[in-house]
Each structure stands twice: as C-alpha cells, then as structure tokens.
C-alpha cells in the first residue's frame, strides 16, 4: 500500500511538472531580441513582434539576442514593455 501511494504521488508530481513546463512560443522583435512567450500572444502590429513555434531556431547568418523576462510584454530598444 505504501508503494502504491508513493507511485501515485510521483505520477501526480510528474504530470504537474509536465503541465507547468509546457511549450512556449518564441517571439522576436524587429530589433533582433527574442524571448519565450508564456500564455496567449496578442501583439499588435506596431509592436514589431514576430511569433514563432517553440521549436524555431534562428539561422546561422541571423544576429539575434536571446532575452527572457517574466510577465506578458515585449522587448523594445533593450527595455521590457509590460502589456496589461
């Protein structure tokens, strides 16, 4: 019984971890800054943001910078702009 409870707990923890580490899309702006998107991407055309699938990789000749940030927003001129 003890092993069954442990197995159930480990399985539930693994499922929870998989749900929280789900794929996120990748966004890049016109200035070459890229980051992961968490949640719905609702960028306006004036934001200059291009959304790519999670497995997207930039090409060898592209010169992009990888940046991360918590929250919902986008990079512009090296500054994170929060979208509420």
PDB file of N, CA and C in Angstrom:
ATOM      1  N   UNK A   1       0.816  -1.190   0.000  1.00  0.00           N
ATOM      2  CA  UNK A   1       0.000   0.000   0.000  1.00  0.00           C
ATOM      3  C   UNK A   1       0.868   1.266   0.000  1.00  0.00           C
ATOM      4  N   UNK A   2       1.958   1.210   0.797  1.00  0.00           N
ATOM      5  CA  UNK A   2       2.868   2.350   0.874  1.00  0.00           C
ATOM      6  C   UNK A   2       3.480   2.647  -0.499  1.00  0.00           C
ATOM      7  N   UNK A   3       3.858   1.590  -1.227  1.00  0.00           N
ATOM      8  CA  UNK A   3       4.462   1.769  -2.546  1.00  0.00           C
ATOM      9  C   UNK A   3       3.453   2.312  -3.555  1.00  0.00           C
ATOM     10  N   UNK A   4       2.215   1.901  -3.449  1.00  0.00           N
ATOM     11  CA  UNK A   4       1.168   2.391  -4.330  1.00  0.00           C
ATOM     12  C   UNK A   4       0.955   3.882  -4.107  1.00  0.00           C
ATOM     13  N   UNK A   5       0.919   4.315  -2.859  1.00  0.00           N
ATOM     14  CA  UNK A   5       0.744   5.730  -2.544  1.00  0.00           C
ATOM     15  C   UNK A   5       1.919   6.542  -3.067  1.00  0.00           C
ATOM     16  N   UNK A   6       3.117   6.003  -2.914  1.00  0.00           N
ATOM     17  CA  UNK A   6       4.312   6.686  -3.424  1.00  0.00           C
ATOM     18  C   UNK A   6       4.260   6.782  -4.946  1.00  0.00           C
ATOM     19  N   UNK A   7       3.871   5.717  -5.614  1.00  0.00           N
ATOM     20  CA  UNK A   7       3.780   5.713  -7.072  1.00  0.00           C
ATOM     21  C   UNK A   7       2.746   6.725  -7.558  1.00  0.00           C
ATOM     22  N   UNK A   8       1.625   6.794  -6.870  1.00  0.00           N
ATOM     23  CA  UNK A   8       0.591   7.757  -7.244  1.00  0.00           C
ATOM     24  C   UNK A   8       1.102   9.184  -7.054  1.00  0.00           C
ATOM     25  N   UNK A   9       1.782   9.429  -5.945  1.00  0.00           N
ATOM     26  CA  UNK A   9       2.319  10.761  -5.679  1.00  0.00           C
ATOM     27  C   UNK A   9       3.355  11.161  -6.738  1.00  0.00           C
ATOM     28  N   UNK A  10       4.269  10.251  -7.059  1.00  0.00           N
ATOM     29  CA  UNK A  10       5.304  10.534  -8.056  1.00  0.00           C
ATOM     30  C   UNK A  10       4.670  10.781  -9.420  1.00  0.00           C
ATOM     31  N   UNK A  11       3.674   9.985  -9.784  1.00  0.00           N
ATOM     32  CA  UNK A  11       2.983  10.175 -11.065  1.00  0.00           C
ATOM     33  C   UNK A  11       2.277  11.516 -11.120  1.00  0.00           C
ATOM     34  N   UNK A  12       1.603  11.892 -10.044  1.00  0.00           N
ATOM     35  CA  UNK A  12       0.911  13.184  -9.996  1.00  0.00           C
ATOM     36  C   UNK A  12       1.902  14.330 -10.081  1.00  0.00           C
ATOM     37  N   UNK A  13       3.038  14.215  -9.407  1.00  0.00           N
ATOM     38  CA  UNK A  13       4.064  15.259  -9.453  1.00  0.00           C
ATOM     39  C   UNK A  13       4.634  15.395 -10.861  1.00  0.00           C
ATOM     40  N   UNK A  14       4.857  14.271 -11.531  1.00  0.00           N
ATOM     41  CA  UNK A  14       5.376  14.305 -12.898  1.00  0.00           C
ATOM     42  C   UNK A  14       4.385  14.967 -13.847  1.00  0.00           C
ATOM     43  N   UNK A  15       3.113  14.669 -13.694  1.00  0.00           N
ATOM     44  CA  UNK A  15       2.088  15.303 -14.527  1.00  0.00           C
ATOM     45  C   UNK A  15       2.018  16.809 -14.267  1.00  0.00           C
ATOM     46  N   UNK A  16       2.107  17.198 -13.024  1.00  0.00           N
ATOM     47  CA  UNK A  16       2.071  18.624 -12.684  1.00  0.00           C
ATOM     48  C   UNK A  16       3.275  19.341 -13.272  1.00  0.00           C
ATOM     49  N   UNK A  17       4.438  18.728 -13.194  1.00  0.00           N
ATOM     50  CA  UNK A  17       5.647  19.329 -13.753  1.00  0.00           C
ATOM     51  C   UNK A  17       5.532  19.451 -15.264  1.00  0.00           C
ATOM     52  N   UNK A  18       5.016  18.430 -15.908  1.00  0.00           N
ATOM     53  CA  UNK A  18       4.844  18.477 -17.363  1.00  0.00           C
ATOM     54  C   UNK A  18       3.871  19.570 -17.755  1.00  0.00           C
ATOM     55  N   UNK A  19       2.843  19.781 -16.986  1.00  0.00           N
ATOM     56  CA  UNK A  19       1.858  20.813 -17.305  1.00  0.00           C
ATOM     57  C   UNK A  19       2.443  22.202 -17.128  1.00  0.00           C
ATOM     58  N   UNK A  20       3.302  22.406 -16.134  1.00  0.00           N
ATOM     59  CA  UNK A  20       3.854  23.739 -15.897  1.00  0.00           C
ATOM     60  C   UNK A  20       5.029  24.036 -16.804  1.00  0.00           C
ATOM     61  N   UNK A  21       5.674  23.010 -17.351  1.00  0.00           N
ATOM     62  CA  UNK A  21       6.802  23.253 -18.234  1.00  0.00           C
ATOM     63  C   UNK A  21       6.401  23.044 -19.692  1.00  0.00           C
ATOM     64  N   UNK A  22       5.152  23.282 -19.995  1.00  0.00           N
ATOM     65  CA  UNK A  22       4.654  23.105 -21.353  1.00  0.00           C
ATOM     66  C   UNK A  22       5.364  24.057 -22.310  1.00  0.00           C
ATOM     67  N   UNK A  23       5.321  23.707 -23.554  1.00  0.00           N
ATOM     68  CA  UNK A  23       5.979  24.510 -24.573  1.00  0.00           C
ATOM     69  C   UNK A  23       5.469  25.939 -24.592  1.00  0.00           C
ATOM     70  N   UNK A  24       6.352  26.824 -24.927  1.00  0.00           N
ATOM     71  CA  UNK A  24       6.004  28.227 -25.084  1.00  0.00           C
ATOM     72  C   UNK A  24       6.504  28.671 -26.449  1.00  0.00           C
ATOM     73  N   UNK A  25       5.767  29.548 -27.083  1.00  0.00           N
ATOM     74  CA  UNK A  25       6.212  30.053 -28.369  1.00  0.00           C
ATOM     75  C   UNK A  25       7.400  30.995 -28.164  1.00  0.00           C
ATOM     76  N   UNK A  26       8.068  31.300 -29.263  1.00  0.00           N
ATOM     77  CA  UNK A  26       9.205  32.217 -29.237  1.00  0.00           C
ATOM     78  C   UNK A  26       8.824  33.465 -30.017  1.00  0.00           C
ATOM     79  N   UNK A  27       9.114  34.614 -29.448  1.00  0.00           N
ATOM     80  CA  UNK A  27       8.852  35.880 -30.117  1.00  0.00           C
ATOM     81  C   UNK A  27      10.171  36.588 -30.368  1.00  0.00           C
ATOM     82  N   UNK A  28      10.238  37.301 -31.476  1.00  0.00           N
ATOM     83  CA  UNK A  28      11.392  38.148 -31.788  1.00  0.00           C
ATOM     84  C   UNK A  28      10.856  39.483 -32.276  1.00  0.00           C
ATOM     85  N   UNK A  29      11.546  40.546 -31.911  1.00  0.00           N
ATOM     86  CA  UNK A  29      11.134  41.858 -32.406  1.00  0.00           C
ATOM     87  C   UNK A  29      11.977  42.254 -33.614  1.00  0.00           C
ATOM     88  N   UNK A  30      11.641  43.378 -34.211  1.00  0.00           N
ATOM     89  CA  UNK A  30      12.357  43.857 -35.394  1.00  0.00           C
ATOM     90  C   UNK A  30      13.792  44.253 -35.069  1.00  0.00           C
ATOM     91  N   UNK A  31      14.117  44.405 -33.780  1.00  0.00           N
ATOM     92  CA  UNK A  31      15.457  44.824 -33.361  1.00  0.00           C
ATOM     93  C   UNK A  31      16.371  43.639 -33.066  1.00  0.00           C
ATOM     94  N   UNK A  32      15.859  42.404 -33.234  1.00  0.00           N
ATOM     95  CA  UNK A  32      16.678  41.219 -33.060  1.00  0.00           C
ATOM     96  C   UNK A  32      16.722  40.665 -31.655  1.00  0.00           C
ATOM     97  N   UNK A  33      15.754  41.018 -30.814  1.00  0.00           N
ATOM     98  CA  UNK A  33      15.665  40.483 -29.460  1.00  0.00           C
ATOM     99  C   UNK A  33      14.591  39.395 -29.454  1.00  0.00           C
ATOM    100  N   UNK A  34      14.912  38.214 -28.878  1.00  0.00           N
ATOM    101  CA  UNK A  34      13.978  37.094 -28.853  1.00  0.00           C
ATOM    102  C   UNK A  34      13.758  36.627 -27.415  1.00  0.00           C
ATOM    103  N   UNK A  35      12.574  36.077 -27.150  1.00  0.00           N
ATOM    104  CA  UNK A  35      12.212  35.611 -25.815  1.00  0.00           C
ATOM    105  C   UNK A  35      11.094  34.591 -25.921  1.00  0.00           C
ATOM    106  N   UNK A  36      10.871  33.836 -24.834  1.00  0.00           N
ATOM    107  CA  UNK A  36       9.759  32.891 -24.778  1.00  0.00           C
ATOM    108  C   UNK A  36       8.480  33.634 -24.400  1.00  0.00           C
ATOM    109  N   UNK A  37       7.388  33.206 -25.011  1.00  0.00           N
ATOM    110  CA  UNK A  37       6.068  33.746 -24.681  1.00  0.00           C
ATOM    111  C   UNK A  37       5.385  32.735 -23.769  1.00  0.00           C
ATOM    112  N   UNK A  38       4.881  33.218 -22.675  1.00  0.00           N
ATOM    113  CA  UNK A  38       4.109  32.364 -21.771  1.00  0.00           C
ATOM    114  C   UNK A  38       2.671  32.852 -21.828  1.00  0.00           C
ATOM    115  N   UNK A  39       1.787  32.017 -22.299  1.00  0.00           N
ATOM    116  CA  UNK A  39       0.392  32.419 -22.421  1.00  0.00           C
ATOM    117  C   UNK A  39       0.057  32.859 -23.830  1.00  0.00           C
ATOM    118  N   UNK A  40      -1.048  33.556 -23.949  1.00  0.00           N
ATOM    119  CA  UNK A  40      -1.558  33.973 -25.258  1.00  0.00           C
ATOM    120  C   UNK A  40      -0.744  35.134 -25.821  1.00  0.00           C
ATOM    121  N   UNK A  41      -0.344  35.007 -27.068  1.00  0.00           N
ATOM    122  CA  UNK A  41       0.385  36.076 -27.751  1.00  0.00           C
ATOM    123  C   UNK A  41      -0.613  36.993 -28.435  1.00  0.00           C
ATOM    124  N   UNK A  42      -0.727  38.225 -27.960  1.00  0.00           N
ATOM    125  CA  UNK A  42      -1.671  39.170 -28.570  1.00  0.00           C
ATOM    126  C   UNK A  42      -0.967  40.491 -28.884  1.00  0.00           C
ATOM    127  N   UNK A  43       0.104  40.380 -29.649  1.00  0.00           N
ATOM    128  CA  UNK A  43       0.878  41.557 -30.011  1.00  0.00           C
ATOM    129  C   UNK A  43       0.211  42.311 -31.155  1.00  0.00           C
ATOM    130  N   UNK A  44       0.271  43.621 -31.086  1.00  0.00           N
ATOM    131  CA  UNK A  44      -0.266  44.473 -32.144  1.00  0.00           C
ATOM    132  C   UNK A  44       0.819  44.680 -33.200  1.00  0.00           C
ATOM    133  N   UNK A  45       0.431  44.970 -34.433  1.00  0.00           N
ATOM    134  CA  UNK A  45       1.433  45.169 -35.494  1.00  0.00           C
ATOM    135  C   UNK A  45       2.470  46.247 -35.143  1.00  0.00           C
ATOM    136  N   UNK A  46       2.072  47.263 -34.441  1.00  0.00           N
ATOM    137  CA  UNK A  46       3.015  48.338 -34.094  1.00  0.00           C
ATOM    138  C   UNK A  46       4.073  47.908 -33.071  1.00  0.00           C
ATOM    139  N   UNK A  47       3.876  46.747 -32.438  1.00  0.00           N
ATOM    140  CA  UNK A  47       4.885  46.225 -31.511  1.00  0.00           C
ATOM    141  C   UNK A  47       6.094  45.672 -32.267  1.00  0.00           C
ATOM    142  N   UNK A  48       5.915  45.335 -33.535  1.00  0.00           N
ATOM    143  CA  UNK A  48       7.019  44.790 -34.333  1.00  0.00           C
ATOM    144  C   UNK A  48       7.492  43.434 -33.853  1.00  0.00           C
ATOM    145  N   UNK A  49       6.572  42.606 -33.347  1.00  0.00           N
ATOM    146  CA  UNK A  49       6.907  41.298 -32.794  1.00  0.00           C
ATOM    147  C   UNK A  49       6.458  40.205 -33.755  1.00  0.00           C
ATOM    148  N   UNK A  50       7.326  39.236 -33.954  1.00  0.00           N
ATOM    149  CA  UNK A  50       7.042  38.096 -34.812  1.00  0.00           C
ATOM    150  C   UNK A  50       7.060  36.845 -33.944  1.00  0.00           C
ATOM    151  N   UNK A  51       5.998  36.051 -33.990  1.00  0.00           N
ATOM    152  CA  UNK A  51       5.857  34.865 -33.141  1.00  0.00           C
ATOM    153  C   UNK A  51       6.202  33.613 -33.952  1.00  0.00           C
ATOM    154  N   UNK A  52       7.010  32.752 -33.315  1.00  0.00           N
ATOM    155  CA  UNK A  52       7.467  31.517 -33.946  1.00  0.00           C
ATOM    156  C   UNK A  52       7.078  30.325 -33.069  1.00  0.00           C
ATOM    157  N   UNK A  53       7.011  29.115 -33.644  1.00  0.00           N
ATOM    158  CA  UNK A  53       6.729  27.932 -32.829  1.00  0.00           C
ATOM    159  C   UNK A  53       7.860  27.670 -31.834  1.00  0.00           C
ATOM    160  N   UNK A  54       7.565  26.875 -30.828  1.00  0.00           N
ATOM    161  CA  UNK A  54       8.515  26.584 -29.750  1.00  0.00           C
ATOM    162  C   UNK A  54       9.826  25.981 -30.255  1.00  0.00           C
ATOM    163  N   UNK A  55       9.786  25.211 -31.316  1.00  0.00           N
ATOM    164  CA  UNK A  55      10.996  24.545 -31.807  1.00  0.00           C
ATOM    165  C   UNK A  55      11.755  25.371 -32.855  1.00  0.00           C
ATOM    166  N   UNK A  56      11.362  26.631 -33.053  1.00  0.00           N
ATOM    167  CA  UNK A  56      12.005  27.507 -34.029  1.00  0.00           C
ATOM    168  C   UNK A  56      13.433  27.827 -33.608  1.00  0.00           C
ATOM    169  N   UNK A  57      14.327  27.858 -34.581  1.00  0.00           N
ATOM    170  CA  UNK A  57      15.726  28.247 -34.352  1.00  0.00           C
ATOM    171  C   UNK A  57      16.102  29.288 -35.394  1.00  0.00           C
ATOM    172  N   UNK A  58      16.867  30.292 -34.990  1.00  0.00           N
ATOM    173  CA  UNK A  58      17.273  31.274 -35.981  1.00  0.00           C
ATOM    174  C   UNK A  58      18.421  30.735 -36.818  1.00  0.00           C
ATOM    175  N   UNK A  59      18.555  31.292 -38.009  1.00  0.00           N
ATOM    176  CA  UNK A  59      19.568  30.836 -38.954  1.00  0.00           C
ATOM    177  C   UNK A  59      20.972  31.269 -38.562  1.00  0.00           C
ATOM    178  N   UNK A  60      21.960  30.615 -39.149  1.00  0.00           N
ATOM    179  CA  UNK A  60      23.364  30.894 -38.842  1.00  0.00           C
ATOM    180  C   UNK A  60      23.761  32.333 -39.151  1.00  0.00           C
ATOM    181  N   UNK A  61      23.166  32.933 -40.161  1.00  0.00           N
ATOM    182  CA  UNK A  61      23.548  34.292 -40.560  1.00  0.00           C
ATOM    183  C   UNK A  61      22.738  35.371 -39.856  1.00  0.00           C
ATOM    184  N   UNK A  62      21.758  34.968 -39.056  1.00  0.00           N
ATOM    185  CA  UNK A  62      20.963  35.940 -38.306  1.00  0.00           C
ATOM    186  C   UNK A  62      21.707  36.316 -37.028  1.00  0.00           C
ATOM    187  N   UNK A  63      21.643  37.571 -36.668  1.00  0.00           N
ATOM    188  CA  UNK A  63      22.308  38.063 -35.465  1.00  0.00           C
ATOM    189  C   UNK A  63      21.239  38.523 -34.478  1.00  0.00           C
ATOM    190  N   UNK A  64      20.762  37.568 -33.685  1.00  0.00           N
ATOM    191  CA  UNK A  64      19.700  37.844 -32.724  1.00  0.00           C
ATOM    192  C   UNK A  64      20.235  37.701 -31.308  1.00  0.00           C
ATOM    193  N   UNK A  65      19.562  38.346 -30.366  1.00  0.00           N
ATOM    194  CA  UNK A  65      19.928  38.262 -28.949  1.00  0.00           C
ATOM    195  C   UNK A  65      18.821  37.553 -28.199  1.00  0.00           C
ATOM    196  N   UNK A  66      19.200  36.623 -27.331  1.00  0.00           N
ATOM    197  CA  UNK A  66      18.218  35.905 -26.529  1.00  0.00           C
ATOM    198  C   UNK A  66      18.021  36.651 -25.223  1.00  0.00           C
ATOM    199  N   UNK A  67      16.767  36.974 -24.903  1.00  0.00           N
ATOM    200  CA  UNK A  67      16.421  37.640 -23.657  1.00  0.00           C
ATOM    201  C   UNK A  67      15.226  36.930 -23.052  1.00  0.00           C
ATOM    202  N   UNK A  68      15.121  36.945 -21.757  1.00  0.00           N
ATOM    203  CA  UNK A  68      13.953  36.383 -21.082  1.00  0.00           C
ATOM    204  C   UNK A  68      13.397  37.439 -20.139  1.00  0.00           C
ATOM    205  N   UNK A  69      12.154  37.282 -19.791  1.00  0.00           N
ATOM    206  CA  UNK A  69      11.518  38.192 -18.846  1.00  0.00           C
ATOM    207  C   UNK A  69      10.241  37.547 -18.342  1.00  0.00           C
ATOM    208  N   UNK A  70       9.920  37.799 -17.086  1.00  0.00           N
ATOM    209  CA  UNK A  70       8.661  37.333 -16.526  1.00  0.00           C
ATOM    210  C   UNK A  70       7.557  38.313 -16.894  1.00  0.00           C
ATOM    211  N   UNK A  71       6.360  37.820 -16.979  1.00  0.00           N
ATOM    212  CA  UNK A  71       5.227  38.679 -17.285  1.00  0.00           C
ATOM    213  C   UNK A  71       4.895  38.660 -18.760  1.00  0.00           C
ATOM    214  N   UNK A  72       3.908  39.451 -19.119  1.00  0.00           N
ATOM    215  CA  UNK A  72       3.441  39.498 -20.503  1.00  0.00           C
ATOM    216  C   UNK A  72       3.829  40.843 -21.097  1.00  0.00           C
ATOM    217  N   UNK A  73       4.587  40.801 -22.155  1.00  0.00           N
ATOM    218  CA  UNK A  73       5.021  42.042 -22.783  1.00  0.00           C
ATOM    219  C   UNK A  73       5.942  41.760 -23.946  1.00  0.00           C
ATOM    220  N   UNK A  74       6.808  42.742 -24.242  1.00  0.00           N
ATOM    221  CA  UNK A  74       7.740  42.598 -25.350  1.00  0.00           C
ATOM    222  C   UNK A  74       8.943  43.511 -25.127  1.00  0.00           C
ATOM    223  N   UNK A  75      10.033  43.177 -25.799  1.00  0.00           N
ATOM    224  CA  UNK A  75      11.239  43.987 -25.744  1.00  0.00           C
ATOM    225  C   UNK A  75      11.178  45.064 -26.818  1.00  0.00           C
ATOM    226  N   UNK A  76      11.611  46.261 -26.465  1.00  0.00           N
ATOM    227  CA  UNK A  76      11.700  47.358 -27.428  1.00  0.00           C
ATOM    228  C   UNK A  76      12.887  48.229 -27.036  1.00  0.00           C
ATOM    229  N   UNK A  77      13.889  48.296 -27.912  1.00  0.00           N
ATOM    230  CA  UNK A  77      15.050  49.126 -27.633  1.00  0.00           C
ATOM    231  C   UNK A  77      15.810  48.707 -26.381  1.00  0.00           C
ATOM    232  N   UNK A  78      15.817  47.410 -26.083  1.00  0.00           N
ATOM    233  CA  UNK A  78      16.524  46.923 -24.912  1.00  0.00           C
ATOM    234  C   UNK A  78      15.755  47.065 -23.601  1.00  0.00           C
ATOM    235  N   UNK A  79      14.503  47.527 -23.684  1.00  0.00           N
ATOM    236  CA  UNK A  79      13.663  47.714 -22.488  1.00  0.00           C
ATOM    237  C   UNK A  79      12.447  46.821 -22.600  1.00  0.00           C
ATOM    238  N   UNK A  80      12.084  46.184 -21.479  1.00  0.00           N
ATOM    239  CA  UNK A  80      10.895  45.348 -21.442  1.00  0.00           C
ATOM    240  C   UNK A  80       9.673  46.239 -21.266  1.00  0.00           C
ATOM    241  N   UNK A  81       8.702  46.090 -22.180  1.00  0.00           N
ATOM    242  CA  UNK A  81       7.431  46.839 -22.136  1.00  0.00           C
ATOM    243  C   UNK A  81       6.346  45.868 -21.693  1.00  0.00           C
ATOM    244  N   UNK A  82       5.793  46.116 -20.541  1.00  0.00           N
ATOM    245  CA  UNK A  82       4.743  45.248 -19.996  1.00  0.00           C
ATOM    246  C   UNK A  82       3.414  45.538 -20.692  1.00  0.00           C
ATOM    247  N   UNK A  83       2.703  44.480 -21.064  1.00  0.00           N
ATOM    248  CA  UNK A  83       1.350  44.605 -21.616  1.00  0.00           C
ATOM    249  C   UNK A  83       0.409  44.119 -20.539  1.00  0.00           C
ATOM    250  N   UNK A  84      -0.545  44.920 -20.184  1.00  0.00           N
ATOM    251  CA  UNK A  84      -1.504  44.534 -19.135  1.00  0.00           C
ATOM    252  C   UNK A  84      -2.828  44.158 -19.726  1.00  0.00           C
TER     253      UNK A  84
END
